[in-house]
PDB file of N, CA and C in Angstrom:
ATOM      1  N   MET A   1       0.818  -1.192   0.000  1.00  0.00           N
ATOM      2  CA  MET A   1       0.000   0.000   0.000  1.00  0.00           C
ATOM      3  C   MET A   1       0.870   1.266   0.000  1.00  0.00           C
ATOM      4  N   SER A   2       1.956   1.186   0.752  1.00  0.00           N
ATOM      5  CA  SER A   2       2.840   2.345   0.846  1.00  0.00           C
ATOM      6  C   SER A   2       3.441   2.681  -0.518  1.00  0.00           C
ATOM      7  N   SER A   3       3.871   1.630  -1.278  1.00  0.00           N
ATOM      8  CA  SER A   3       4.449   1.934  -2.593  1.00  0.00           C
ATOM      9  C   SER A   3       3.412   2.448  -3.559  1.00  0.00           C
ATOM     10  N   LEU A   4       2.169   2.015  -3.444  1.00  0.00           N
ATOM     11  CA  LEU A   4       1.110   2.554  -4.301  1.00  0.00           C
ATOM     12  C   LEU A   4       0.869   4.029  -3.997  1.00  0.00           C
ATOM     13  N   ALA A   5       0.852   4.353  -2.710  1.00  0.00           N
ATOM     14  CA  ALA A   5       0.654   5.749  -2.308  1.00  0.00           C
ATOM     15  C   ALA A   5       1.810   6.616  -2.794  1.00  0.00           C
ATOM     16  N   GLN A   6       3.030   6.082  -2.688  1.00  0.00           N
ATOM     17  CA  GLN A   6       4.211   6.831  -3.142  1.00  0.00           C
ATOM     18  C   GLN A   6       4.148   7.071  -4.645  1.00  0.00           C
ATOM     19  N   GLU A   7       3.770   6.052  -5.398  1.00  0.00           N
ATOM     20  CA  GLU A   7       3.678   6.182  -6.852  1.00  0.00           C
ATOM     21  C   GLU A   7       2.584   7.183  -7.238  1.00  0.00           C
ATOM     22  N   GLU A   8       1.470   7.153  -6.546  1.00  0.00           N
ATOM     23  CA  GLU A   8       0.379   8.104  -6.812  1.00  0.00           C
ATOM     24  C   GLU A   8       0.837   9.527  -6.526  1.00  0.00           C
ATOM     25  N   SER A   9       1.552   9.718  -5.440  1.00  0.00           N
ATOM     26  CA  SER A   9       2.074  11.039  -5.089  1.00  0.00           C
ATOM     27  C   SER A   9       3.032  11.552  -6.168  1.00  0.00           C
ATOM     28  N   ARG A  10       3.920  10.685  -6.661  1.00  0.00           N
ATOM     29  CA  ARG A  10       4.868  11.054  -7.711  1.00  0.00           C
ATOM     30  C   ARG A  10       4.136  11.413  -9.000  1.00  0.00           C
ATOM     31  N   SER A  11       3.111  10.641  -9.323  1.00  0.00           N
ATOM     32  CA  SER A  11       2.337  10.893 -10.538  1.00  0.00           C
ATOM     33  C   SER A  11       1.623  12.244 -10.466  1.00  0.00           C
ATOM     34  N   ILE A  12       1.027  12.536  -9.327  1.00  0.00           N
ATOM     35  CA  ILE A  12       0.344  13.822  -9.143  1.00  0.00           C
ATOM     36  C   ILE A  12       1.341  14.963  -9.274  1.00  0.00           C
ATOM     37  N   SER A  13       2.518  14.805  -8.666  1.00  0.00           N
ATOM     38  CA  SER A  13       3.553  15.843  -8.730  1.00  0.00           C
ATOM     39  C   SER A  13       3.974  16.098 -10.174  1.00  0.00           C
ATOM     40  N   GLU A  14       4.172  15.033 -10.941  1.00  0.00           N
ATOM     41  CA  GLU A  14       4.552  15.197 -12.350  1.00  0.00           C
ATOM     42  C   GLU A  14       3.461  15.910 -13.136  1.00  0.00           C
ATOM     43  N   ASN A  15       2.201  15.557 -12.878  1.00  0.00           N
ATOM     44  CA  ASN A  15       1.089  16.194 -13.579  1.00  0.00           C
ATOM     45  C   ASN A  15       0.989  17.681 -13.256  1.00  0.00           C
ATOM     46  N   VAL A  16       1.175  18.026 -11.993  1.00  0.00           N
ATOM     47  CA  VAL A  16       1.117  19.428 -11.581  1.00  0.00           C
ATOM     48  C   VAL A  16       2.265  20.205 -12.220  1.00  0.00           C
ATOM     49  N   THR A  17       3.465  19.635 -12.188  1.00  0.00           N
ATOM     50  CA  THR A  17       4.623  20.278 -12.799  1.00  0.00           C
ATOM     51  C   THR A  17       4.394  20.493 -14.290  1.00  0.00           C
ATOM     52  N   TRP A  18       3.873  19.476 -14.971  1.00  0.00           N
ATOM     53  CA  TRP A  18       3.586  19.597 -16.399  1.00  0.00           C
ATOM     54  C   TRP A  18       2.569  20.711 -16.644  1.00  0.00           C
ATOM     55  N   GLY A  19       1.533  20.797 -15.802  1.00  0.00           N
ATOM     56  CA  GLY A  19       0.519  21.841 -15.946  1.00  0.00           C
ATOM     57  C   GLY A  19       1.103  23.233 -15.810  1.00  0.00           C
ATOM     58  N   HIS A  20       1.991  23.413 -14.835  1.00  0.00           N
ATOM     59  CA  HIS A  20       2.643  24.718 -14.649  1.00  0.00           C
ATOM     60  C   HIS A  20       3.475  25.085 -15.882  1.00  0.00           C
ATOM     61  N   ARG A  21       4.259  24.142 -16.359  1.00  0.00           N
ATOM     62  CA  ARG A  21       5.101  24.414 -17.532  1.00  0.00           C
ATOM     63  C   ARG A  21       4.264  24.720 -18.760  1.00  0.00           C
ATOM     64  N   LYS A  22       3.156  24.000 -18.932  1.00  0.00           N
ATOM     65  CA  LYS A  22       2.276  24.220 -20.081  1.00  0.00           C
ATOM     66  C   LYS A  22       1.663  25.625 -20.020  1.00  0.00           C
ATOM     67  N   ARG A  23       1.196  26.040 -18.842  1.00  0.00           N
ATOM     68  CA  ARG A  23       0.625  27.387 -18.697  1.00  0.00           C
ATOM     69  C   ARG A  23       1.670  28.457 -18.971  1.00  0.00           C
ATOM     70  N   PHE A  24       2.886  28.272 -18.469  1.00  0.00           N
ATOM     71  CA  PHE A  24       3.957  29.237 -18.742  1.00  0.00           C
ATOM     72  C   PHE A  24       4.239  29.304 -20.232  1.00  0.00           C
ATOM     73  N   ALA A  25       4.313  28.142 -20.894  1.00  0.00           N
ATOM     74  CA  ALA A  25       4.585  28.101 -22.328  1.00  0.00           C
ATOM     75  C   ALA A  25       3.477  28.788 -23.127  1.00  0.00           C
ATOM     76  N   ASP A  26       2.252  28.702 -22.627  1.00  0.00           N
ATOM     77  CA  ASP A  26       1.108  29.346 -23.288  1.00  0.00           C
ATOM     78  C   ASP A  26       0.978  30.819 -22.933  1.00  0.00           C
ATOM     79  N   GLY A  27       1.879  31.319 -22.045  1.00  0.00           N
ATOM     80  CA  GLY A  27       1.833  32.727 -21.645  1.00  0.00           C
ATOM     81  C   GLY A  27       0.792  33.019 -20.589  1.00  0.00           C
ATOM     82  N   LYS A  28       0.312  31.998 -19.912  1.00  0.00           N
ATOM     83  CA  LYS A  28      -0.704  32.185 -18.868  1.00  0.00           C
ATOM     84  C   LYS A  28      -0.033  32.013 -17.511  1.00  0.00           C
ATOM     85  N   VAL A  29       0.252  33.113 -16.882  1.00  0.00           N
ATOM     86  CA  VAL A  29       0.928  33.083 -15.599  1.00  0.00           C
ATOM     87  C   VAL A  29      -0.033  33.582 -14.527  1.00  0.00           C
ATOM     88  N   CYS A  30      -0.108  32.861 -13.427  1.00  0.00           N
ATOM     89  CA  CYS A  30      -0.967  33.248 -12.308  1.00  0.00           C
ATOM     90  C   CYS A  30      -0.183  34.228 -11.421  1.00  0.00           C
ATOM     91  N   VAL A  31      -0.717  35.417 -11.237  1.00  0.00           N
ATOM     92  CA  VAL A  31      -0.044  36.443 -10.450  1.00  0.00           C
ATOM     93  C   VAL A  31      -0.919  36.781  -9.238  1.00  0.00           C
ATOM     94  N   PRO A  32      -0.355  36.754  -8.040  1.00  0.00           N
ATOM     95  CA  PRO A  32      -1.127  37.125  -6.850  1.00  0.00           C
ATOM     96  C   PRO A  32      -1.238  38.658  -6.747  1.00  0.00           C
ATOM     97  N   TYR A  33      -2.193  39.229  -7.460  1.00  0.00           N
ATOM     98  CA  TYR A  33      -2.290  40.690  -7.578  1.00  0.00           C
ATOM     99  C   TYR A  33      -2.443  41.395  -6.235  1.00  0.00           C
ATOM    100  N   ARG A  34      -3.121  40.782  -5.278  1.00  0.00           N
ATOM    101  CA  ARG A  34      -3.304  41.431  -3.974  1.00  0.00           C
ATOM    102  C   ARG A  34      -1.976  41.672  -3.265  1.00  0.00           C
ATOM    103  N   HIS A  35      -0.974  40.844  -3.561  1.00  0.00           N
ATOM    104  CA  HIS A  35       0.320  40.939  -2.885  1.00  0.00           C
ATOM    105  C   HIS A  35       1.442  41.389  -3.817  1.00  0.00           C
ATOM    106  N   PHE A  36       1.069  41.936  -4.970  1.00  0.00           N
ATOM    107  CA  PHE A  36       2.056  42.301  -5.986  1.00  0.00           C
ATOM    108  C   PHE A  36       2.081  43.816  -6.105  1.00  0.00           C
ATOM    109  N   LEU A  37       2.937  44.458  -5.330  1.00  0.00           N
ATOM    110  CA  LEU A  37       2.982  45.914  -5.240  1.00  0.00           C
ATOM    111  C   LEU A  37       3.399  46.543  -6.562  1.00  0.00           C
ATOM    112  N   GLY A  38       2.618  47.500  -7.019  1.00  0.00           N
ATOM    113  CA  GLY A  38       2.956  48.251  -8.220  1.00  0.00           C
ATOM    114  C   GLY A  38       2.162  47.852  -9.446  1.00  0.00           C
ATOM    115  N   TYR A  39       1.426  46.757  -9.360  1.00  0.00           N
ATOM    116  CA  TYR A  39       0.655  46.283 -10.508  1.00  0.00           C
ATOM    117  C   TYR A  39      -0.745  45.846 -10.086  1.00  0.00           C
ATOM    118  N   ASP A  40      -1.674  45.965 -11.002  1.00  0.00           N
ATOM    119  CA  ASP A  40      -3.035  45.473 -10.839  1.00  0.00           C
ATOM    120  C   ASP A  40      -3.341  44.590 -12.036  1.00  0.00           C
ATOM    121  N   LYS A  41      -4.472  43.904 -11.947  1.00  0.00           N
ATOM    122  CA  LYS A  41      -4.914  43.096 -13.082  1.00  0.00           C
ATOM    123  C   LYS A  41      -5.630  44.017 -14.053  1.00  0.00           C
ATOM    124  N   GLY A  42      -5.118  44.106 -15.285  1.00  0.00           N
ATOM    125  CA  GLY A  42      -5.699  44.973 -16.301  1.00  0.00           C
ATOM    126  C   GLY A  42      -6.971  44.386 -16.888  1.00  0.00           C
ATOM    127  N   PRO A  43      -7.681  45.184 -17.674  1.00  0.00           N
ATOM    128  CA  PRO A  43      -8.938  44.726 -18.270  1.00  0.00           C
ATOM    129  C   PRO A  43      -8.763  43.512 -19.181  1.00  0.00           C
ATOM    130  N   ASP A  44      -7.560  43.351 -19.744  1.00  0.00           N
ATOM    131  CA  ASP A  44      -7.305  42.203 -20.615  1.00  0.00           C
ATOM    132  C   ASP A  44      -6.738  41.016 -19.847  1.00  0.00           C
ATOM    133  N   GLY A  45      -6.640  41.149 -18.513  1.00  0.00           N
ATOM    134  CA  GLY A  45      -6.123  40.064 -17.681  1.00  0.00           C
ATOM    135  C   GLY A  45      -4.623  40.094 -17.492  1.00  0.00           C
ATOM    136  N   ASN A  46      -3.937  41.001 -18.159  1.00  0.00           N
ATOM    137  CA  ASN A  46      -2.481  41.124 -18.013  1.00  0.00           C
ATOM    138  C   ASN A  46      -2.145  42.158 -16.943  1.00  0.00           C
ATOM    139  N   LEU A  47      -0.859  42.271 -16.639  1.00  0.00           N
ATOM    140  CA  LEU A  47      -0.415  43.241 -15.645  1.00  0.00           C
ATOM    141  C   LEU A  47      -0.629  44.662 -16.149  1.00  0.00           C
ATOM    142  N   ALA A  48      -1.114  45.519 -15.255  1.00  0.00           N
ATOM    143  CA  ALA A  48      -1.273  46.940 -15.553  1.00  0.00           C
ATOM    144  C   ALA A  48      -0.623  47.714 -14.407  1.00  0.00           C
ATOM    145  N   VAL A  49       0.164  48.708 -14.732  1.00  0.00           N
ATOM    146  CA  VAL A  49       0.873  49.494 -13.715  1.00  0.00           C
ATOM    147  C   VAL A  49      -0.128  50.284 -12.875  1.00  0.00           C
ATOM    148  N   ASN A  50       0.029  50.172 -11.556  1.00  0.00           N
ATOM    149  CA  ASN A  50      -0.740  50.964 -10.611  1.00  0.00           C
ATOM    150  C   ASN A  50       0.135  52.179 -10.298  1.00  0.00           C
ATOM    151  N   LYS A  51      -0.212  53.339 -10.865  1.00  0.00           N
ATOM    152  CA  LYS A  51       0.664  54.518 -10.792  1.00  0.00           C
ATOM    153  C   LYS A  51       0.943  54.966  -9.361  1.00  0.00           C
ATOM    154  N   GLU A  52      -0.040  54.865  -8.476  1.00  0.00           N
ATOM    155  CA  GLU A  52       0.163  55.280  -7.085  1.00  0.00           C
ATOM    156  C   GLU A  52       1.170  54.357  -6.402  1.00  0.00           C
ATOM    157  N   GLN A  53       1.006  53.057  -6.580  1.00  0.00           N
ATOM    158  CA  GLN A  53       1.926  52.110  -5.963  1.00  0.00           C
ATOM    159  C   GLN A  53       3.288  52.132  -6.651  1.00  0.00           C
ATOM    160  N   ALA A  54       3.327  52.477  -7.923  1.00  0.00           N
ATOM    161  CA  ALA A  54       4.592  52.527  -8.648  1.00  0.00           C
ATOM    162  C   ALA A  54       5.544  53.544  -8.017  1.00  0.00           C
ATOM    163  N   ARG A  55       5.006  54.638  -7.494  1.00  0.00           N
ATOM    164  CA  ARG A  55       5.855  55.636  -6.819  1.00  0.00           C
ATOM    165  C   ARG A  55       6.541  55.000  -5.609  1.00  0.00           C
ATOM    166  N   THR A  56       5.794  54.172  -4.869  1.00  0.00           N
ATOM    167  CA  THR A  56       6.369  53.508  -3.700  1.00  0.00           C
ATOM    168  C   THR A  56       7.446  52.519  -4.125  1.00  0.00           C
ATOM    169  N   VAL A  57       7.197  51.767  -5.185  1.00  0.00           N
ATOM    170  CA  VAL A  57       8.185  50.797  -5.686  1.00  0.00           C
ATOM    171  C   VAL A  57       9.452  51.526  -6.107  1.00  0.00           C
ATOM    172  N   LYS A  58       9.318  52.639  -6.809  1.00  0.00           N
ATOM    173  CA  LYS A  58      10.494  53.416  -7.234  1.00  0.00           C
ATOM    174  C   LYS A  58      11.260  53.939  -6.027  1.00  0.00           C
ATOM    175  N   LEU A  59      10.529  54.368  -4.997  1.00  0.00           N
ATOM    176  CA  LEU A  59      11.167  54.851  -3.772  1.00  0.00           C
ATOM    177  C   LEU A  59      11.962  53.720  -3.118  1.00  0.00           C
ATOM    178  N   ILE A  60      11.377  52.529  -3.059  1.00  0.00           N
ATOM    179  CA  ILE A  60      12.065  51.390  -2.449  1.00  0.00           C
ATOM    180  C   ILE A  60      13.376  51.117  -3.185  1.00  0.00           C
ATOM    181  N   TYR A  61      13.324  51.091  -4.515  1.00  0.00           N
ATOM    182  CA  TYR A  61      14.549  50.847  -5.287  1.00  0.00           C
ATOM    183  C   TYR A  61      15.560  51.969  -5.107  1.00  0.00           C
ATOM    184  N   ARG A  62      15.089  53.217  -5.073  1.00  0.00           N
ATOM    185  CA  ARG A  62      16.006  54.339  -4.885  1.00  0.00           C
ATOM    186  C   ARG A  62      16.716  54.244  -3.536  1.00  0.00           C
ATOM    187  N   LEU A  63      15.939  53.934  -2.479  1.00  0.00           N
ATOM    188  CA  LEU A  63      16.540  53.806  -1.151  1.00  0.00           C
ATOM    189  C   LEU A  63      17.551  52.660  -1.125  1.00  0.00           C
ATOM    190  N   PHE A  64      17.203  51.544  -1.767  1.00  0.00           N
ATOM    191  CA  PHE A  64      18.131  50.407  -1.801  1.00  0.00           C
ATOM    192  C   PHE A  64      19.430  50.776  -2.509  1.00  0.00           C
ATOM    193  N   LEU A  65      19.316  51.457  -3.638  1.00  0.00           N
ATOM    194  CA  LEU A  65      20.518  51.855  -4.382  1.00  0.00           C
ATOM    195  C   LEU A  65      21.332  52.895  -3.630  1.00  0.00           C
ATOM    196  N   ASP A  66      20.669  53.631  -2.723  1.00  0.00           N
ATOM    197  CA  ASP A  66      21.380  54.605  -1.891  1.00  0.00           C
ATOM    198  C   ASP A  66      22.040  53.947  -0.680  1.00  0.00           C
ATOM    199  N   GLY A  67      21.909  52.612  -0.576  1.00  0.00           N
ATOM    200  CA  GLY A  67      22.598  51.896   0.495  1.00  0.00           C
ATOM    201  C   GLY A  67      21.756  51.558   1.702  1.00  0.00           C
ATOM    202  N   TYR A  68      20.464  51.831   1.656  1.00  0.00           N
ATOM    203  CA  TYR A  68      19.605  51.485   2.780  1.00  0.00           C
ATOM    204  C   TYR A  68      19.472  49.967   2.882  1.00  0.00           C
ATOM    205  N   THR A  69      19.378  49.465   4.108  1.00  0.00           N
ATOM    206  CA  THR A  69      19.118  48.043   4.318  1.00  0.00           C
ATOM    207  C   THR A  69      17.613  47.806   4.228  1.00  0.00           C
ATOM    208  N   PHE A  70      17.218  46.539   4.164  1.00  0.00           N
ATOM    209  CA  PHE A  70      15.790  46.230   4.104  1.00  0.00           C
ATOM    210  C   PHE A  70      15.047  46.785   5.311  1.00  0.00           C
ATOM    211  N   ARG A  71      15.686  46.663   6.475  1.00  0.00           N
ATOM    212  CA  ARG A  71      15.066  47.156   7.705  1.00  0.00           C
ATOM    213  C   ARG A  71      14.944  48.679   7.691  1.00  0.00           C
ATOM    214  N   SER A  72      15.978  49.370   7.224  1.00  0.00           N
ATOM    215  CA  SER A  72      15.919  50.836   7.197  1.00  0.00           C
ATOM    216  C   SER A  72      14.927  51.323   6.132  1.00  0.00           C
ATOM    217  N   ILE A  73      14.768  50.571   5.053  1.00  0.00           N
ATOM    218  CA  ILE A  73      13.753  50.916   4.049  1.00  0.00           C
ATOM    219  C   ILE A  73      12.367  50.774   4.672  1.00  0.00           C
ATOM    220  N   ALA A  74      12.150  49.698   5.411  1.00  0.00           N
ATOM    221  CA  ALA A  74      10.856  49.494   6.072  1.00  0.00           C
ATOM    222  C   ALA A  74      10.568  50.624   7.057  1.00  0.00           C
ATOM    223  N   ARG A  75      11.586  51.039   7.816  1.00  0.00           N
ATOM    224  CA  ARG A  75      11.391  52.153   8.762  1.00  0.00           C
ATOM    225  C   ARG A  75      11.059  53.445   8.031  1.00  0.00           C
ATOM    226  N   GLU A  76      11.744  53.692   6.919  1.00  0.00           N
ATOM    227  CA  GLU A  76      11.501  54.902   6.127  1.00  0.00           C
ATOM    228  C   GLU A  76      10.085  54.904   5.556  1.00  0.00           C
ATOM    229  N   LEU A  77       9.649  53.777   5.035  1.00  0.00           N
ATOM    230  CA  LEU A  77       8.286  53.686   4.486  1.00  0.00           C
ATOM    231  C   LEU A  77       7.245  53.906   5.578  1.00  0.00           C
ATOM    232  N   THR A  78       7.487  53.321   6.741  1.00  0.00           N
ATOM    233  CA  THR A  78       6.562  53.498   7.859  1.00  0.00           C
ATOM    234  C   THR A  78       6.534  54.955   8.307  1.00  0.00           C
ATOM    235  N   ALA A  79       7.702  55.579   8.363  1.00  0.00           N
ATOM    236  CA  ALA A  79       7.774  56.987   8.773  1.00  0.00           C
ATOM    237  C   ALA A  79       7.027  57.889   7.789  1.00  0.00           C
ATOM    238  N   ARG A  80       7.017  57.506   6.513  1.00  0.00           N
ATOM    239  CA  ARG A  80       6.303  58.289   5.501  1.00  0.00           C
ATOM    240  C   ARG A  80       4.822  57.919   5.413  1.00  0.00           C
ATOM    241  N   GLY A  81       4.412  56.969   6.242  1.00  0.00           N
ATOM    242  CA  GLY A  81       2.997  56.562   6.236  1.00  0.00           C
ATOM    243  C   GLY A  81       2.632  55.670   5.067  1.00  0.00           C
ATOM    244  N   LEU A  82       3.606  54.985   4.510  1.00  0.00           N
ATOM    245  CA  LEU A  82       3.366  54.120   3.352  1.00  0.00           C
ATOM    246  C   LEU A  82       3.239  52.657   3.780  1.00  0.00           C
ATOM    247  N   VAL A  83       2.441  52.407   4.795  1.00  0.00           N
ATOM    248  CA  VAL A  83       2.249  51.058   5.306  1.00  0.00           C
ATOM    249  C   VAL A  83       1.225  50.349   4.437  1.00  0.00           C
ATOM    250  N   ARG A  84       1.563  49.166   3.968  1.00  0.00           N
ATOM    251  CA  ARG A  84       0.669  48.396   3.099  1.00  0.00           C
ATOM    252  C   ARG A  84      -0.420  47.746   3.931  1.00  0.00           C
ATOM    253  N   GLU A  85      -1.654  47.946   3.514  1.00  0.00           N
ATOM    254  CA  GLU A  85      -2.785  47.341   4.199  1.00  0.00           C
ATOM    255  C   GLU A  85      -3.016  45.942   3.647  1.00  0.00           C
ATOM    256  N   SER A  86      -3.457  45.029   4.492  1.00  0.00           N
ATOM    257  CA  SER A  86      -3.712  43.648   4.048  1.00  0.00           C
ATOM    258  C   SER A  86      -5.036  43.540   3.361  1.00  0.00           C
TER     259      SER A  86
END
């Protein structure tokens, strides 16, 4: 029974992996828009730039290139009131 369960698990894993690769090859990528800062789901289903959030993303990159650490970037964003709501 254990080897049957193991084989079934392997088969499911291969099928899931194949499905992911097929969707990527077809250009269909699943994006978690709620957690993807700077972009929204556009009317055609593709990524669309969220201009308000894009300013925050640019600020994060600018601070990083200026030598800020991840923690200091988080403090700076919080100090500016740019806390992301869940």
